Amino acid sequence: MKSPKLTINAARLEQDFNELAEIGATVDGGVSRLALSNEDLLARAWFADRLDAAGLHMRDDDAGNLSGVLMCGGPKARTLILGSHLDSVPNGGRYDGSIGVLAALECARVIKAAGLKLRVNLEVINFTDEEGCWQSLFGSRGLTGNLHENYTIDKDADYGPFRAALFRAGIRPADVANARRDPKTVAGYLELHIEQGYRLDRDGVEIGVVSGIVGRATHQVIFHGQASHSGTTERERRRDALLGASQFIVLAHELWRDRYPEGVFTCGNLQVGPGAFNIIPNETRLTIECRHPDADTLAQMQDEILDLARQQAAAHGLFFTSRRMAQMPAVNLDDQVIGAIEQACELCQASHTRLISYAGHDAQMMTGFTPSGMIFVPSVGGISHSPREFTHWEHVVKGANVMLQTILLLAKRL
């Protein structure tokens, strides 16, 4: 199969990447651009300048999503949305989200320079707060009409700082719902991203064609015991909340290993009260997360793990409570978009494989709203959310060229 004539400008893309990486740069080579922070606002301003220089029509919706539109399909054509996010986790990596936005911009520039007339318009977008500094996937939730309104009501927590950050960025909390688009005006969504896992790098594959994104369920679990003197309380009379929680965590990991090999279980924090070495803990709070690519299996997995927590609480004479904090459904990405990505890989002579994403992305929220797809490029060592996050530049370029050819194919099909 012949190589495509139209390709991205790799040097221009790399210059954009290096300039953006300076905004919020950390001393150990990472970036900190928390959503709605000074650094994030600077990155937005830089991105707006790039959109303007590219001759794209600027768009800034009520959820703070910033985008540039290339009207290459006519005023009545639907829009193919391309992009990702510029915000980061604290001291995160330079590639996460950024290459998706920058590659989308580069593809639009190449198509504009070539004077191509497509059946769709193209929109290059930076979604607000993908990482969840305030509310995970805030921008894509707003665009699709799936926002949680808890940021407007201080029911379970004080969301005043979140509202203040929105106002500071020029986003009125009362108007965020206006960001919802009419799905009839959107042709599809395409996102380029680093894998954030080790499979592509391990197997020497250049492109991951994402077939689905795992569902996630997050619960706060509390083991209630009884505080007492650590030296004088007999073993049989102890109601040690930390001991019960600890044994639950060990058994939950065993359950995950034995029954749910395609899933993920994580407990990343413990809060122990009263927190003194000579007092038996009377309370242990922990947050657990389950992930699985199948929605029914995810529901079964979290039910079994919560049942295990109740059993361990009873076994140690404890009282147990839990509260679901977040639930994100598993999704399958669009078959037509997947097929276009695979065909683009063949055109670009890129090795490729289908895989499931075990990290959440804006594409997860866009799926169900419009036909959506994702292109993964390798993460060296599978490291992400870290200054050590790294992707070989030739893989970024290959991914951007696959994205370009996918856009051209989708413009004919969607």
Protein backbone atom coordinates (compact mmCIF):
# COMPACT_ATOMS: atom_id res chain seq x y z
CA MET A 1 0.00 0.00 0.00
CA LYS A 2 1.37 3.42 -0.98
CA SER A 3 2.23 5.98 1.69
CA PRO A 4 -0.16 8.95 1.86
CA LYS A 5 0.95 12.19 0.21
CA LEU A 6 -0.44 14.42 2.95
CA THR A 7 1.61 14.32 6.19
CA ILE A 8 1.98 16.51 9.24
CA ASN A 9 4.83 18.98 9.77
CA ALA A 10 6.83 17.14 12.44
CA ALA A 11 9.17 20.06 13.17
CA ARG A 12 6.26 22.47 13.71
CA LEU A 13 4.50 19.97 15.99
CA GLU A 14 7.68 19.50 18.03
CA GLN A 15 8.14 23.25 18.41
CA ASP A 16 4.57 23.55 19.72
CA PHE A 17 5.21 20.66 22.12
CA ASN A 18 8.39 22.22 23.52
CA GLU A 19 6.79 25.65 23.94
CA LEU A 20 3.78 24.23 25.75
CA ALA A 21 5.99 22.08 28.01
CA GLU A 22 7.59 25.27 29.37
CA ILE A 23 4.25 26.40 30.80
CA GLY A 24 4.05 24.94 34.29
CA ALA A 25 7.40 23.17 33.90
CA THR A 26 8.77 21.54 37.07
CA VAL A 27 12.43 21.19 38.06
CA ASP A 28 12.50 17.44 37.38
CA GLY A 29 11.17 17.66 33.82
CA GLY A 30 7.44 17.35 34.38
CA VAL A 31 4.60 19.87 34.28
CA SER A 32 2.03 21.13 36.79
CA ARG A 33 -0.95 22.71 35.06
CA LEU A 34 -3.82 22.01 37.41
CA ALA A 35 -7.19 22.87 35.90
CA LEU A 36 -8.09 26.58 36.24
CA SER A 37 -4.72 27.40 37.85
CA ASN A 38 -2.48 30.24 36.66
CA GLU A 39 -0.49 27.73 34.63
CA ASP A 40 -3.61 26.28 33.00
CA LEU A 41 -4.84 29.77 32.11
CA LEU A 42 -1.45 30.57 30.58
CA ALA A 43 -1.60 27.37 28.54
CA ARG A 44 -5.08 28.31 27.36
CA ALA A 45 -3.83 31.75 26.29
CA TRP A 46 -0.91 30.15 24.44
CA PHE A 47 -3.31 27.72 22.73
CA ALA A 48 -5.63 30.57 21.73
CA ASP A 49 -2.68 32.32 20.07
CA ARG A 50 -1.87 29.12 18.13
CA LEU A 51 -5.49 28.79 16.99
CA ASP A 52 -5.53 32.39 15.87
CA ALA A 53 -2.22 32.04 14.01
CA ALA A 54 -3.61 28.97 12.23
CA GLY A 55 -6.59 30.99 10.99
CA LEU A 56 -9.18 28.93 12.87
CA HIS A 57 -12.43 30.38 14.19
CA MET A 58 -12.18 30.66 17.99
CA ARG A 59 -14.86 29.15 20.19
CA ASP A 60 -15.08 29.31 24.00
CA ASP A 61 -18.15 27.65 25.53
CA ASP A 62 -19.76 28.05 28.97
CA ALA A 63 -17.85 25.08 30.42
CA GLY A 64 -14.56 26.73 29.49
CA ASN A 65 -13.81 24.41 26.59
CA LEU A 66 -11.57 26.32 24.19
CA SER A 67 -11.51 25.34 20.53
CA GLY A 68 -10.76 26.44 17.00
CA VAL A 69 -13.00 25.54 14.06
CA LEU A 70 -11.88 24.96 10.47
CA MET A 71 -14.89 25.52 8.23
CA CYS A 72 -13.84 23.11 5.50
CA GLY A 73 -17.18 21.39 5.06
CA GLY A 74 -19.52 24.31 4.56
CA PRO A 75 -21.83 26.24 6.93
CA LYS A 76 -24.42 23.42 7.23
CA ALA A 77 -21.95 20.57 7.62
CA ARG A 78 -21.65 18.70 10.88
CA THR A 79 -18.47 18.97 12.95
CA LEU A 80 -15.81 16.36 13.64
CA ILE A 81 -14.32 17.22 17.05
CA LEU A 82 -10.60 16.52 17.59
CA GLY A 83 -8.50 17.01 20.70
CA SER A 84 -7.90 16.21 24.35
CA HIS A 85 -6.80 18.34 27.34
CA LEU A 86 -3.98 20.68 28.39
CA ASP A 87 -4.46 20.42 32.16
CA SER A 88 -2.28 18.02 34.15
CA VAL A 89 -2.02 16.25 37.47
CA PRO A 90 0.42 17.75 40.01
CA ASN A 91 3.97 17.27 38.73
CA GLY A 92 2.74 15.12 35.86
CA GLY A 93 4.17 14.34 32.46
CA ARG A 94 4.54 16.50 29.35
CA TYR A 95 2.74 14.13 26.96
CA ASP A 96 -0.52 13.29 28.74
CA GLY A 97 -3.33 15.16 26.97
CA SER A 98 -1.01 17.67 25.33
CA ILE A 99 -0.06 15.62 22.29
CA GLY A 100 -3.75 15.02 21.56
CA VAL A 101 -4.52 18.74 21.42
CA LEU A 102 -1.36 19.63 19.52
CA ALA A 103 -1.68 16.81 16.98
CA ALA A 104 -5.29 17.83 16.32
CA LEU A 105 -4.16 21.42 15.71
CA GLU A 106 -1.41 20.24 13.38
CA CYS A 107 -3.84 18.09 11.38
CA ALA A 108 -6.19 21.05 10.96
CA ARG A 109 -3.30 23.27 9.79
CA VAL A 110 -2.21 20.71 7.20
CA ILE A 111 -5.75 20.25 5.87
CA LYS A 112 -6.29 24.03 5.72
CA ALA A 113 -2.99 24.60 3.90
CA ALA A 114 -3.90 21.89 1.38
CA GLY A 115 -7.20 23.65 0.71
CA LEU A 116 -9.19 20.43 1.17
CA LYS A 117 -12.97 20.58 1.11
CA LEU A 118 -14.41 17.91 3.37
CA ARG A 119 -17.93 16.76 4.18
CA VAL A 120 -17.44 17.85 7.79
CA ASN A 121 -16.02 20.86 9.58
CA LEU A 122 -13.13 20.24 11.99
CA GLU A 123 -12.97 21.51 15.56
CA VAL A 124 -9.76 21.36 17.60
CA ILE A 125 -10.70 21.34 21.29
CA ASN A 126 -9.08 21.62 24.72
CA PHE A 127 -11.45 20.19 27.31
CA THR A 128 -11.64 21.74 30.80
CA ASP A 129 -10.39 19.70 33.78
CA GLU A 130 -10.07 16.25 32.24
CA GLU A 131 -7.82 15.19 35.11
CA GLY A 132 -10.37 15.92 37.82
CA CYS A 133 -8.62 18.59 39.87
CA TRP A 134 -12.16 19.85 40.55
CA GLN A 135 -14.50 17.50 38.69
CA SER A 136 -13.24 14.76 36.39
CA LEU A 137 -14.05 15.24 32.68
CA PHE A 138 -15.75 18.54 33.48
CA GLY A 139 -15.50 19.96 29.96
CA SER A 140 -16.63 16.87 28.07
CA ARG A 141 -19.41 16.33 30.62
CA GLY A 142 -20.55 19.89 29.96
CA LEU A 143 -20.48 19.48 26.18
CA THR A 144 -22.48 16.25 26.34
CA GLY A 145 -24.93 17.42 29.04
CA ASN A 146 -23.70 15.00 31.70
CA LEU A 147 -22.38 17.34 34.39
CA HIS A 148 -22.92 16.63 38.06
CA GLU A 149 -24.45 19.76 39.57
CA ASN A 150 -22.82 19.22 42.96
CA TYR A 151 -20.44 22.12 42.26
CA THR A 152 -23.43 24.48 42.60
CA ILE A 153 -24.76 23.01 45.87
CA ASP A 154 -22.67 22.55 49.03
CA LYS A 155 -24.45 19.36 50.09
CA ASP A 156 -21.67 16.83 50.65
CA ALA A 157 -18.70 19.21 50.58
CA ASP A 158 -17.72 22.86 50.28
CA TYR A 159 -17.54 23.59 46.55
CA GLY A 160 -16.93 27.29 47.09
CA PRO A 161 -13.27 27.07 45.99
CA PHE A 162 -14.35 25.30 42.79
CA ARG A 163 -16.90 28.00 41.99
CA ALA A 164 -14.30 30.68 42.75
CA ALA A 165 -11.86 29.01 40.35
CA LEU A 166 -14.53 28.90 37.64
CA PHE A 167 -15.35 32.59 38.10
CA ARG A 168 -11.66 33.46 38.02
CA ALA A 169 -11.36 31.70 34.64
CA GLY A 170 -14.37 33.61 33.31
CA ILE A 171 -16.74 30.65 33.68
CA ARG A 172 -20.09 31.34 35.35
CA PRO A 173 -21.24 28.22 37.27
CA ALA A 174 -24.90 29.03 36.58
CA ASP A 175 -24.22 29.05 32.82
CA VAL A 176 -22.18 25.86 32.48
CA ALA A 177 -25.20 23.81 31.36
CA ASN A 178 -25.36 26.02 28.26
CA ALA A 179 -22.25 24.26 26.97
CA ARG A 180 -24.34 21.25 25.98
CA ARG A 181 -24.25 20.69 22.22
CA ASP A 182 -26.95 19.31 19.97
CA PRO A 183 -25.60 15.87 18.97
CA LYS A 184 -27.16 16.34 15.53
CA THR A 185 -24.52 18.99 14.83
CA VAL A 186 -21.60 16.70 15.69
CA ALA A 187 -20.26 14.08 13.28
CA GLY A 188 -17.85 12.36 15.67
CA TYR A 189 -14.93 12.65 18.06
CA LEU A 190 -11.31 11.52 17.67
CA GLU A 191 -8.57 11.66 20.32
CA LEU A 192 -4.86 10.89 20.17
CA HIS A 193 -3.29 10.00 23.52
CA ILE A 194 -0.36 8.21 25.08
CA GLU A 195 -1.28 4.73 26.26
CA GLN A 196 -0.21 5.37 29.90
CA GLY A 197 0.38 1.62 30.10
CA TYR A 198 3.13 -0.75 29.06
CA ARG A 199 1.50 -3.00 26.41
CA LEU A 200 2.49 -1.15 23.22
CA ASP A 201 6.01 -0.47 24.46
CA ARG A 202 6.46 -4.05 25.66
CA ASP A 203 5.24 -5.57 22.39
CA GLY A 204 6.97 -3.12 20.05
CA VAL A 205 3.68 -1.95 18.48
CA GLU A 206 3.42 1.62 17.18
CA ILE A 207 -0.33 2.30 17.44
CA GLY A 208 -3.04 1.12 19.79
CA VAL A 209 -6.55 1.19 18.35
CA VAL A 210 -8.75 1.62 21.42
CA SER A 211 -11.80 -0.62 21.32
CA GLY A 212 -13.18 0.24 24.75
CA ILE A 213 -12.59 2.11 28.02
CA VAL A 214 -13.01 0.51 31.43
CA GLY A 215 -15.75 1.42 33.82
CA ARG A 216 -14.79 2.72 37.25
CA ALA A 217 -16.49 2.59 40.64
CA THR A 218 -15.11 4.46 43.66
CA HIS A 219 -16.34 3.90 47.22
CA GLN A 220 -15.44 5.37 50.59
CA VAL A 221 -15.37 2.56 53.15
CA ILE A 222 -15.26 3.13 56.93
CA PHE A 223 -14.51 0.53 59.60
CA HIS A 224 -15.77 1.66 63.02
CA GLY A 225 -14.20 0.07 66.11
CA GLN A 226 -13.54 1.15 69.69
CA ALA A 227 -10.61 3.17 71.00
CA SER A 228 -8.92 1.71 74.05
CA HIS A 229 -5.57 1.52 75.81
CA SER A 230 -3.14 -0.47 73.66
CA GLY A 231 -1.37 -2.01 76.63
CA THR A 232 -4.21 -2.95 78.92
CA THR A 233 -6.93 -4.12 76.54
CA GLU A 234 -7.06 -7.89 76.19
CA ARG A 235 -6.84 -9.40 72.74
CA GLU A 236 -10.38 -10.83 72.89
CA ARG A 237 -11.84 -7.42 73.82
CA ARG A 238 -10.12 -5.42 71.10
CA ARG A 239 -12.17 -3.87 68.29
CA ASP A 240 -9.30 -2.71 66.12
CA ALA A 241 -10.59 -0.81 63.07
CA LEU A 242 -7.17 -0.76 61.40
CA LEU A 243 -6.71 -4.51 61.75
CA GLY A 244 -10.10 -5.19 60.15
CA ALA A 245 -9.40 -2.76 57.31
CA SER A 246 -5.95 -4.21 56.71
CA GLN A 247 -7.18 -7.76 56.43
CA PHE A 248 -9.95 -6.60 54.10
CA ILE A 249 -7.41 -4.99 51.78
CA VAL A 250 -5.30 -8.15 51.61
CA LEU A 251 -8.32 -10.37 50.93
CA ALA A 252 -9.72 -7.93 48.35
CA HIS A 253 -6.46 -8.11 46.41
CA GLU A 254 -6.65 -11.90 46.52
CA LEU A 255 -10.25 -11.78 45.27
CA TRP A 256 -9.21 -9.51 42.40
CA ARG A 257 -6.32 -11.81 41.47
CA ASP A 258 -8.36 -15.02 41.58
CA ARG A 259 -11.73 -13.93 40.13
CA TYR A 260 -11.27 -10.75 38.11
CA PRO A 261 -7.98 -10.93 36.15
CA GLU A 262 -9.20 -8.38 33.59
CA GLY A 263 -10.22 -5.93 36.31
CA VAL A 264 -8.32 -3.66 38.66
CA PHE A 265 -8.67 -3.12 42.42
CA THR A 266 -6.87 -0.33 44.27
CA CYS A 267 -6.83 1.09 47.77
CA GLY A 268 -4.55 4.10 47.82
CA ASN A 269 -5.21 5.80 51.15
CA LEU A 270 -5.94 5.09 54.81
CA GLN A 271 -7.01 7.54 57.50
CA VAL A 272 -6.71 6.10 60.98
CA GLY A 273 -8.24 7.61 64.11
CA PRO A 274 -7.41 8.68 66.69
CA GLY A 275 -3.95 8.16 65.23
CA ALA A 276 -1.80 7.53 68.32
CA PHE A 277 0.60 4.60 68.70
CA ASN A 278 -0.73 3.69 72.14
CA ILE A 279 -4.46 3.77 71.34
CA ILE A 280 -6.31 1.02 69.51
CA PRO A 281 -7.76 2.60 66.32
CA ASN A 282 -11.47 3.26 66.57
CA GLU A 283 -11.94 4.27 62.94
CA THR A 284 -10.24 3.56 59.61
CA ARG A 285 -11.37 5.32 56.44
CA LEU A 286 -10.24 4.16 53.04
CA THR A 287 -11.14 4.80 49.43
CA ILE A 288 -11.32 1.83 47.09
CA GLU A 289 -11.61 1.75 43.32
CA CYS A 290 -12.67 -1.06 40.98
CA ARG A 291 -12.17 -1.01 37.20
CA HIS A 292 -13.35 -3.46 34.57
CA PRO A 293 -14.05 -3.30 30.81
CA ASP A 294 -17.40 -5.09 31.19
CA ALA A 295 -20.21 -3.20 32.93
CA ASP A 296 -21.97 -6.27 34.40
CA THR A 297 -18.71 -7.75 35.67
CA LEU A 298 -17.76 -4.42 37.23
CA ALA A 299 -21.06 -4.37 39.14
CA GLN A 300 -20.47 -7.93 40.36
CA MET A 301 -16.87 -7.16 41.29
CA GLN A 302 -17.70 -4.15 43.44
CA ASP A 303 -20.59 -5.97 45.13
CA GLU A 304 -18.33 -8.87 46.09
CA ILE A 305 -15.62 -6.56 47.41
CA LEU A 306 -18.08 -4.58 49.53
CA ASP A 307 -19.53 -7.86 50.86
CA LEU A 308 -16.00 -8.89 51.78
CA ALA A 309 -15.58 -5.62 53.71
CA ARG A 310 -18.78 -6.33 55.67
CA GLN A 311 -17.61 -9.84 56.47
CA GLN A 312 -14.25 -8.61 57.77
CA ALA A 313 -15.94 -5.92 59.84
CA ALA A 314 -18.17 -8.56 61.46
CA ALA A 315 -15.24 -10.91 62.02
CA HIS A 316 -13.42 -8.21 64.03
CA GLY A 317 -16.43 -6.90 65.95
CA LEU A 318 -16.60 -3.72 63.89
CA PHE A 319 -19.38 -1.61 62.44
CA PHE A 320 -19.13 -0.95 58.69
CA THR A 321 -20.42 1.85 56.43
CA SER A 322 -19.76 2.72 52.79
CA ARG A 323 -20.65 5.44 50.31
CA ARG A 324 -20.30 5.41 46.54
CA MET A 325 -18.30 8.45 45.49
CA ALA A 326 -18.14 8.01 41.71
CA GLN A 327 -19.34 5.68 38.99
CA MET A 328 -18.17 5.77 35.38
CA PRO A 329 -19.67 3.22 32.98
CA ALA A 330 -17.53 1.04 30.72
CA VAL A 331 -17.91 1.97 27.05
CA ASN A 332 -17.19 0.44 23.66
CA LEU A 333 -15.87 2.84 21.04
CA ASP A 334 -17.47 3.14 17.61
CA ASP A 335 -16.79 0.30 15.16
CA GLN A 336 -16.76 2.62 12.15
CA VAL A 337 -14.17 4.90 13.75
CA ILE A 338 -12.11 1.88 14.83
CA GLY A 339 -12.15 0.63 11.24
CA ALA A 340 -11.04 4.02 9.93
CA ILE A 341 -8.12 4.14 12.40
CA GLU A 342 -7.01 0.66 11.35
CA GLN A 343 -7.18 1.61 7.68
CA ALA A 344 -5.19 4.77 8.43
CA CYS A 345 -2.55 2.61 10.16
CA GLU A 346 -2.21 0.57 6.98
CA LEU A 347 -1.86 3.74 4.90
CA CYS A 348 0.85 5.01 7.27
CA GLN A 349 2.53 1.58 7.45
CA ALA A 350 2.12 1.60 11.23
CA SER A 351 1.99 -1.61 13.25
CA HIS A 352 -1.19 -1.66 15.31
CA THR A 353 -3.34 -3.67 17.70
CA ARG A 354 -6.69 -3.28 19.38
CA LEU A 355 -6.70 -2.78 23.13
CA ILE A 356 -8.79 -1.64 26.08
CA SER A 357 -7.93 1.60 27.87
CA TYR A 358 -7.61 1.15 31.62
CA ALA A 359 -7.44 4.93 32.13
CA GLY A 360 -10.37 7.29 31.73
CA HIS A 361 -10.51 9.84 28.90
CA ASP A 362 -12.80 12.47 27.41
CA ALA A 363 -13.64 9.89 24.72
CA GLN A 364 -15.42 7.93 27.45
CA MET A 365 -17.86 10.79 27.93
CA MET A 366 -18.15 11.56 24.20
CA THR A 367 -19.10 7.94 23.44
CA GLY A 368 -22.89 7.65 23.44
CA PHE A 369 -23.10 11.29 22.40
CA THR A 370 -21.34 10.85 19.05
CA PRO A 371 -19.28 8.16 17.25
CA SER A 372 -15.91 8.27 19.01
CA GLY A 373 -12.47 6.73 18.72
CA MET A 374 -9.03 6.87 20.28
CA ILE A 375 -5.50 6.38 18.97
CA PHE A 376 -2.81 5.34 21.45
CA VAL A 377 0.94 5.77 21.05
CA PRO A 378 3.44 3.92 23.29
CA SER A 379 4.46 5.10 26.75
CA VAL A 380 8.02 4.02 27.51
CA GLY A 381 7.92 1.64 30.46
CA GLY A 382 4.21 2.33 30.85
CA ILE A 383 5.00 5.33 33.06
CA SER A 384 2.52 8.22 33.21
CA HIS A 385 1.32 10.90 35.64
CA SER A 386 5.01 11.36 36.41
CA PRO A 387 7.88 13.58 35.22
CA ARG A 388 9.40 10.32 33.89
CA GLU A 389 6.53 9.98 31.39
CA PHE A 390 8.10 9.66 27.93
CA THR A 391 7.13 8.76 24.37
CA HIS A 392 9.65 8.56 21.54
CA TRP A 393 9.08 11.48 19.19
CA GLU A 394 8.85 9.25 16.13
CA HIS A 395 5.87 7.56 17.78
CA VAL A 396 4.19 10.93 18.36
CA VAL A 397 4.71 11.79 14.69
CA LYS A 398 3.43 8.39 13.59
CA GLY A 399 0.33 8.82 15.77
CA ALA A 400 -0.31 12.31 14.39
CA ASN A 401 -0.05 11.04 10.81
CA VAL A 402 -2.44 8.19 11.61
CA MET A 403 -4.80 10.78 13.08
CA LEU A 404 -4.56 12.89 9.91
CA GLN A 405 -5.43 9.95 7.65
CA THR A 406 -8.23 8.89 10.00
CA ILE A 407 -9.75 12.36 9.77
CA LEU A 408 -9.73 12.19 5.98
CA LEU A 409 -11.35 8.76 6.02
CA LEU A 410 -13.99 9.72 8.60
CA ALA A 411 -14.84 12.90 6.66
CA LYS A 412 -16.07 10.63 3.87
CA ARG A 413 -17.87 8.10 6.09
CA LEU A 414 -19.54 9.86 8.99
